[in-house]
């Protein structure tokens, strides 16, 4: 499975989870990434744009 397919699958799972439980998990993850700038996210973005 390609990286883009995995990302799409994870986003769909998060969207379904967000629909079931009304806590905005994707927004919380976005805020975490925005303020903390974790190393794993930077590596993930670099890998996406390299492929």
PDB file of N, CA and C in Angstrom:
ATOM      1  N   UNK A   1       0.845  -1.164   0.000  1.00  0.00           N
ATOM      2  CA  UNK A   1       0.000   0.000   0.000  1.00  0.00           C
ATOM      3  C   UNK A   1       0.900   1.241   0.000  1.00  0.00           C
ATOM      4  N   UNK A   2       0.603   2.167  -0.890  1.00  0.00           N
ATOM      5  CA  UNK A   2       1.439   3.353  -1.003  1.00  0.00           C
ATOM      6  C   UNK A   2       1.195   4.295   0.178  1.00  0.00           C
ATOM      7  N   UNK A   3       2.105   5.212   0.368  1.00  0.00           N
ATOM      8  CA  UNK A   3       2.016   6.155   1.473  1.00  0.00           C
ATOM      9  C   UNK A   3       0.778   7.034   1.343  1.00  0.00           C
ATOM     10  N   UNK A   4       0.478   7.462   0.134  1.00  0.00           N
ATOM     11  CA  UNK A   4      -0.698   8.313  -0.069  1.00  0.00           C
ATOM     12  C   UNK A   4      -1.989   7.562   0.256  1.00  0.00           C
ATOM     13  N   UNK A   5      -2.033   6.285  -0.069  1.00  0.00           N
ATOM     14  CA  UNK A   5      -3.206   5.470   0.251  1.00  0.00           C
ATOM     15  C   UNK A   5      -3.336   5.297   1.751  1.00  0.00           C
ATOM     16  N   UNK A   6      -2.214   5.087   2.433  1.00  0.00           N
ATOM     17  CA  UNK A   6      -2.234   4.957   3.889  1.00  0.00           C
ATOM     18  C   UNK A   6      -2.728   6.244   4.542  1.00  0.00           C
ATOM     19  N   UNK A   7      -2.253   7.368   4.077  1.00  0.00           N
ATOM     20  CA  UNK A   7      -2.667   8.656   4.636  1.00  0.00           C
ATOM     21  C   UNK A   7      -4.163   8.860   4.432  1.00  0.00           C
ATOM     22  N   UNK A   8      -4.637   8.558   3.233  1.00  0.00           N
ATOM     23  CA  UNK A   8      -6.069   8.691   2.958  1.00  0.00           C
ATOM     24  C   UNK A   8      -6.877   7.774   3.866  1.00  0.00           C
ATOM     25  N   UNK A   9      -6.423   6.563   4.061  1.00  0.00           N
ATOM     26  CA  UNK A   9      -7.108   5.619   4.937  1.00  0.00           C
ATOM     27  C   UNK A   9      -7.146   6.135   6.373  1.00  0.00           C
ATOM     28  N   UNK A  10      -6.029   6.652   6.867  1.00  0.00           N
ATOM     29  CA  UNK A  10      -5.983   7.194   8.223  1.00  0.00           C
ATOM     30  C   UNK A  10      -6.920   8.387   8.370  1.00  0.00           C
ATOM     31  N   UNK A  11      -6.971   9.246   7.362  1.00  0.00           N
ATOM     32  CA  UNK A  11      -7.859  10.403   7.419  1.00  0.00           C
ATOM     33  C   UNK A  11      -9.323   9.984   7.416  1.00  0.00           C
ATOM     34  N   UNK A  12      -9.654   8.954   6.650  1.00  0.00           N
ATOM     35  CA  UNK A  12     -11.032   8.450   6.636  1.00  0.00           C
ATOM     36  C   UNK A  12     -11.391   7.871   7.999  1.00  0.00           C
ATOM     37  N   UNK A  13     -10.480   7.108   8.586  1.00  0.00           N
ATOM     38  CA  UNK A  13     -10.730   6.536   9.914  1.00  0.00           C
ATOM     39  C   UNK A  13     -10.917   7.646  10.941  1.00  0.00           C
ATOM     40  N   UNK A  14     -10.069   8.667  10.888  1.00  0.00           N
ATOM     41  CA  UNK A  14     -10.222   9.800  11.814  1.00  0.00           C
ATOM     42  C   UNK A  14     -11.539  10.532  11.595  1.00  0.00           C
ATOM     43  N   UNK A  15     -11.953  10.679  10.352  1.00  0.00           N
ATOM     44  CA  UNK A  15     -13.227  11.350  10.060  1.00  0.00           C
ATOM     45  C   UNK A  15     -14.402  10.552  10.615  1.00  0.00           C
ATOM     46  N   UNK A  16     -14.369   9.236  10.447  1.00  0.00           N
ATOM     47  CA  UNK A  16     -15.445   8.389  10.984  1.00  0.00           C
ATOM     48  C   UNK A  16     -15.449   8.464  12.509  1.00  0.00           C
ATOM     49  N   UNK A  17     -14.262   8.402  13.116  1.00  0.00           N
ATOM     50  CA  UNK A  17     -14.151   8.491  14.566  1.00  0.00           C
ATOM     51  C   UNK A  17     -14.651   9.843  15.057  1.00  0.00           C
ATOM     52  N   UNK A  18     -14.345  10.894  14.313  1.00  0.00           N
ATOM     53  CA  UNK A  18     -14.821  12.236  14.640  1.00  0.00           C
ATOM     54  C   UNK A  18     -16.342  12.321  14.570  1.00  0.00           C
ATOM     55  N   UNK A  19     -16.939  11.586  13.654  1.00  0.00           N
ATOM     56  CA  UNK A  19     -18.387  11.589  13.509  1.00  0.00           C
ATOM     57  C   UNK A  19     -19.061  10.857  14.669  1.00  0.00           C
ATOM     58  N   UNK A  20     -18.461   9.766  15.087  1.00  0.00           N
ATOM     59  CA  UNK A  20     -19.041   8.954  16.170  1.00  0.00           C
ATOM     60  C   UNK A  20     -18.886   9.649  17.514  1.00  0.00           C
ATOM     61  N   UNK A  21     -17.681  10.123  17.797  1.00  0.00           N
ATOM     62  CA  UNK A  21     -17.408  10.801  19.064  1.00  0.00           C
ATOM     63  C   UNK A  21     -17.230  12.284  18.758  1.00  0.00           C
ATOM     64  N   UNK A  22     -18.063  13.135  19.307  1.00  0.00           N
ATOM     65  CA  UNK A  22     -18.033  14.551  18.924  1.00  0.00           C
ATOM     66  C   UNK A  22     -16.862  15.353  19.485  1.00  0.00           C
ATOM     67  N   UNK A  23     -15.733  14.717  19.701  1.00  0.00           N
ATOM     68  CA  UNK A  23     -14.531  15.427  20.109  1.00  0.00           C
ATOM     69  C   UNK A  23     -13.689  15.622  18.851  1.00  0.00           C
ATOM     70  N   UNK A  24     -13.340  16.836  18.528  1.00  0.00           N
ATOM     71  CA  UNK A  24     -12.603  17.090  17.283  1.00  0.00           C
ATOM     72  C   UNK A  24     -11.147  16.615  17.360  1.00  0.00           C
ATOM     73  N   UNK A  25     -10.958  15.323  17.167  1.00  0.00           N
ATOM     74  CA  UNK A  25      -9.632  14.727  17.295  1.00  0.00           C
ATOM     75  C   UNK A  25      -8.676  15.290  16.248  1.00  0.00           C
ATOM     76  N   UNK A  26      -9.142  15.431  15.021  1.00  0.00           N
ATOM     77  CA  UNK A  26      -8.253  15.958  13.983  1.00  0.00           C
ATOM     78  C   UNK A  26      -7.838  17.391  14.295  1.00  0.00           C
ATOM     79  N   UNK A  27      -8.739  18.172  14.859  1.00  0.00           N
ATOM     80  CA  UNK A  27      -8.383  19.542  15.248  1.00  0.00           C
ATOM     81  C   UNK A  27      -7.368  19.536  16.384  1.00  0.00           C
ATOM     82  N   UNK A  28      -7.534  18.627  17.335  1.00  0.00           N
ATOM     83  CA  UNK A  28      -6.577  18.531  18.437  1.00  0.00           C
ATOM     84  C   UNK A  28      -5.193  18.128  17.939  1.00  0.00           C
ATOM     85  N   UNK A  29      -5.150  17.176  17.006  1.00  0.00           N
ATOM     86  CA  UNK A  29      -3.869  16.768  16.424  1.00  0.00           C
ATOM     87  C   UNK A  29      -3.263  17.928  15.649  1.00  0.00           C
ATOM     88  N   UNK A  30      -4.097  18.661  14.916  1.00  0.00           N
ATOM     89  CA  UNK A  30      -3.608  19.823  14.173  1.00  0.00           C
ATOM     90  C   UNK A  30      -3.027  20.892  15.083  1.00  0.00           C
ATOM     91  N   UNK A  31      -3.686  21.150  16.191  1.00  0.00           N
ATOM     92  CA  UNK A  31      -3.177  22.132  17.152  1.00  0.00           C
ATOM     93  C   UNK A  31      -1.861  21.655  17.749  1.00  0.00           C
ATOM     94  N   UNK A  32      -1.788  20.376  18.083  1.00  0.00           N
ATOM     95  CA  UNK A  32      -0.542  19.809  18.620  1.00  0.00           C
ATOM     96  C   UNK A  32       0.605  19.982  17.627  1.00  0.00           C
ATOM     97  N   UNK A  33       0.358  19.646  16.372  1.00  0.00           N
ATOM     98  CA  UNK A  33       1.395  19.763  15.342  1.00  0.00           C
ATOM     99  C   UNK A  33       1.769  21.223  15.131  1.00  0.00           C
ATOM    100  N   UNK A  34       0.780  22.115  15.149  1.00  0.00           N
ATOM    101  CA  UNK A  34       1.032  23.534  14.928  1.00  0.00           C
ATOM    102  C   UNK A  34       1.959  24.119  16.000  1.00  0.00           C
ATOM    103  N   UNK A  35       1.710  23.786  17.266  1.00  0.00           N
ATOM    104  CA  UNK A  35       2.467  24.399  18.349  1.00  0.00           C
ATOM    105  C   UNK A  35       3.733  23.630  18.727  1.00  0.00           C
ATOM    106  N   UNK A  36       3.708  22.300  18.690  1.00  0.00           N
ATOM    107  CA  UNK A  36       4.844  21.516  19.133  1.00  0.00           C
ATOM    108  C   UNK A  36       5.856  21.233  18.021  1.00  0.00           C
ATOM    109  N   UNK A  37       5.402  21.226  16.773  1.00  0.00           N
ATOM    110  CA  UNK A  37       6.238  20.926  15.607  1.00  0.00           C
ATOM    111  C   UNK A  37       7.079  19.655  15.824  1.00  0.00           C
ATOM    112  N   UNK A  38       6.393  18.513  15.988  1.00  0.00           N
ATOM    113  CA  UNK A  38       7.111  17.272  16.273  1.00  0.00           C
ATOM    114  C   UNK A  38       7.960  16.817  15.083  1.00  0.00           C
ATOM    115  N   UNK A  39       9.054  16.164  15.387  1.00  0.00           N
ATOM    116  CA  UNK A  39       9.993  15.709  14.362  1.00  0.00           C
ATOM    117  C   UNK A  39       9.349  14.679  13.430  1.00  0.00           C
ATOM    118  N   UNK A  40       8.484  13.811  13.971  1.00  0.00           N
ATOM    119  CA  UNK A  40       7.853  12.785  13.138  1.00  0.00           C
ATOM    120  C   UNK A  40       6.982  13.408  12.067  1.00  0.00           C
ATOM    121  N   UNK A  41       6.363  14.544  12.336  1.00  0.00           N
ATOM    122  CA  UNK A  41       5.505  15.179  11.340  1.00  0.00           C
ATOM    123  C   UNK A  41       6.335  15.759  10.209  1.00  0.00           C
ATOM    124  N   UNK A  42       7.440  16.377  10.554  1.00  0.00           N
ATOM    125  CA  UNK A  42       8.335  16.947   9.525  1.00  0.00           C
ATOM    126  C   UNK A  42       8.867  15.831   8.616  1.00  0.00           C
ATOM    127  N   UNK A  43       9.276  14.713   9.201  1.00  0.00           N
ATOM    128  CA  UNK A  43       9.765  13.579   8.409  1.00  0.00           C
ATOM    129  C   UNK A  43       8.651  13.036   7.514  1.00  0.00           C
ATOM    130  N   UNK A  44       7.454  12.997   8.021  1.00  0.00           N
ATOM    131  CA  UNK A  44       6.289  12.503   7.278  1.00  0.00           C
ATOM    132  C   UNK A  44       6.013  13.404   6.070  1.00  0.00           C
ATOM    133  N   UNK A  45       6.026  14.708   6.288  1.00  0.00           N
ATOM    134  CA  UNK A  45       5.784  15.658   5.187  1.00  0.00           C
ATOM    135  C   UNK A  45       6.896  15.569   4.161  1.00  0.00           C
ATOM    136  N   UNK A  46       8.146  15.480   4.607  1.00  0.00           N
ATOM    137  CA  UNK A  46       9.264  15.346   3.668  1.00  0.00           C
ATOM    138  C   UNK A  46       9.131  14.082   2.818  1.00  0.00           C
ATOM    139  N   UNK A  47       8.700  12.981   3.453  1.00  0.00           N
ATOM    140  CA  UNK A  47       8.530  11.720   2.729  1.00  0.00           C
ATOM    141  C   UNK A  47       7.405  11.832   1.688  1.00  0.00           C
ATOM    142  N   UNK A  48       6.338  12.531   2.025  1.00  0.00           N
ATOM    143  CA  UNK A  48       5.225  12.701   1.087  1.00  0.00           C
ATOM    144  C   UNK A  48       5.685  13.491  -0.143  1.00  0.00           C
ATOM    145  N   UNK A  49       6.396  14.582   0.090  1.00  0.00           N
ATOM    146  CA  UNK A  49       6.796  15.428  -1.021  1.00  0.00           C
ATOM    147  C   UNK A  49       7.957  14.848  -1.820  1.00  0.00           C
ATOM    148  N   UNK A  50       8.712  13.927  -1.232  1.00  0.00           N
ATOM    149  CA  UNK A  50       9.780  13.258  -1.974  1.00  0.00           C
ATOM    150  C   UNK A  50       9.230  12.252  -2.972  1.00  0.00           C
ATOM    151  N   UNK A  51       8.093  11.634  -2.650  1.00  0.00           N
ATOM    152  CA  UNK A  51       7.543  10.594  -3.536  1.00  0.00           C
ATOM    153  C   UNK A  51       6.695  11.169  -4.648  1.00  0.00           C
TER     154      UNK A  51
END
